[in-house]
Amino acid sequence: MAVAYQSGTVNGAVLADTHFAAPRPHGPVINGVDIFESQLQKALSALGITVDWVEDWDLYHTLDGEVHCGSNTLRSIPSLGWWETGR
């Protein structure tokens, strides 16, 4: 069995069209900046999405989970399949 060394930022939860709760990645810090946090914030801010960082290391990550494992969110299924969006 293989497990992740650090938290996977994609394993978060969509809170709203403009907010994403991501596990804090604890990535490499260069010049005082976690480069994994910075990259995700930059990529999602270009889409108008704010990242809300969640410290899940002790609660979920060490037990082989992430933010989405501890969430109970309701989602609506879009009528159009993602493969039909042209994105």
Protein backbone atom coordinates (compact mmCIF):
# COMPACT_ATOMS: atom_id res chain seq x y z
CA MET A 1 0.00 0.00 0.00
CA ALA A 2 1.23 3.49 -0.82
CA VAL A 3 0.21 6.67 1.00
CA ALA A 4 0.84 10.33 0.32
CA TYR A 5 3.75 12.00 2.07
CA GLN A 6 2.00 15.36 2.07
CA SER A 7 -1.55 16.61 1.83
CA GLY A 8 -3.05 16.64 -1.66
CA THR A 9 -4.56 20.07 -2.35
CA VAL A 10 -7.03 18.70 -4.89
CA ASN A 11 -8.61 16.58 -2.17
CA GLY A 12 -10.52 19.51 -0.76
CA ALA A 13 -14.16 20.48 -0.93
CA VAL A 14 -15.98 23.03 -3.06
CA LEU A 15 -17.78 25.37 -0.65
CA ALA A 16 -19.32 27.66 -3.25
CA ASP A 17 -18.71 28.78 -6.82
CA THR A 18 -16.03 31.13 -5.47
CA HIS A 19 -14.57 29.19 -2.51
CA PHE A 20 -12.56 25.99 -2.28
CA ALA A 21 -11.47 24.44 1.04
CA ALA A 22 -8.07 22.86 0.46
CA PRO A 23 -5.91 20.93 2.89
CA ARG A 24 -2.79 22.88 3.84
CA PRO A 25 -0.09 21.10 1.78
CA HIS A 26 2.96 21.65 4.02
CA GLY A 27 5.03 21.94 0.85
CA PRO A 28 8.50 23.34 0.30
CA VAL A 29 8.92 26.86 1.68
CA ILE A 30 11.00 29.18 -0.49
CA ASN A 31 11.56 32.78 0.65
CA GLY A 32 8.91 32.26 3.33
CA VAL A 33 6.26 31.04 0.86
CA ASP A 34 4.81 27.52 0.62
CA ILE A 35 5.16 27.06 -3.14
CA PHE A 36 2.30 24.54 -3.35
CA GLU A 37 -0.09 26.93 -1.59
CA SER A 38 1.07 29.77 -3.81
CA GLN A 39 0.58 27.77 -7.01
CA LEU A 40 -2.95 26.66 -6.14
CA GLN A 41 -3.98 30.15 -5.03
CA LYS A 42 -2.61 31.64 -8.26
CA ALA A 43 -4.32 29.06 -10.48
CA LEU A 44 -7.71 29.29 -8.77
CA SER A 45 -7.69 33.07 -8.31
CA ALA A 46 -7.42 33.36 -12.10
CA LEU A 47 -10.84 31.63 -12.15
CA GLY A 48 -12.29 33.88 -9.43
CA ILE A 49 -11.98 31.22 -6.74
CA THR A 50 -10.66 31.89 -3.24
CA VAL A 51 -8.79 29.11 -1.46
CA ASP A 52 -9.69 28.60 2.19
CA TRP A 53 -6.85 26.61 3.76
CA VAL A 54 -7.75 23.86 6.22
CA GLU A 55 -5.25 22.36 8.64
CA ASP A 56 -6.14 18.67 8.42
CA TRP A 57 -2.75 17.09 9.08
CA ASP A 58 -3.49 15.47 12.45
CA LEU A 59 -7.20 14.97 11.97
CA TYR A 60 -7.26 13.38 8.49
CA HIS A 61 -3.92 13.26 6.65
CA THR A 62 -2.14 11.05 9.18
CA LEU A 63 -5.11 8.68 8.91
CA ASP A 64 -4.73 8.55 5.08
CA GLY A 65 -7.49 11.08 4.34
CA GLU A 66 -7.92 14.75 3.47
CA VAL A 67 -10.52 17.51 3.78
CA HIS A 68 -13.04 15.84 1.48
CA CYS A 69 -12.98 12.72 3.69
CA GLY A 70 -14.30 14.73 6.61
CA SER A 71 -16.85 16.76 4.70
CA ASN A 72 -20.50 16.11 4.19
CA THR A 73 -21.33 18.38 1.28
CA LEU A 74 -24.33 18.33 -1.00
CA ARG A 75 -23.65 18.55 -4.70
CA SER A 76 -25.96 19.01 -7.62
CA ILE A 77 -25.29 17.02 -10.77
CA PRO A 78 -25.05 19.34 -13.78
CA SER A 79 -27.35 18.53 -16.68
CA LEU A 80 -24.40 18.86 -19.07
CA GLY A 81 -21.53 16.36 -18.85
CA TRP A 82 -18.06 17.83 -18.30
CA TRP A 83 -16.93 16.24 -21.56
CA GLU A 84 -19.57 18.29 -23.41
CA THR A 85 -18.41 21.68 -22.13
CA GLY A 86 -15.52 22.09 -24.57
CA ARG A 87 -13.12 22.85 -21.72
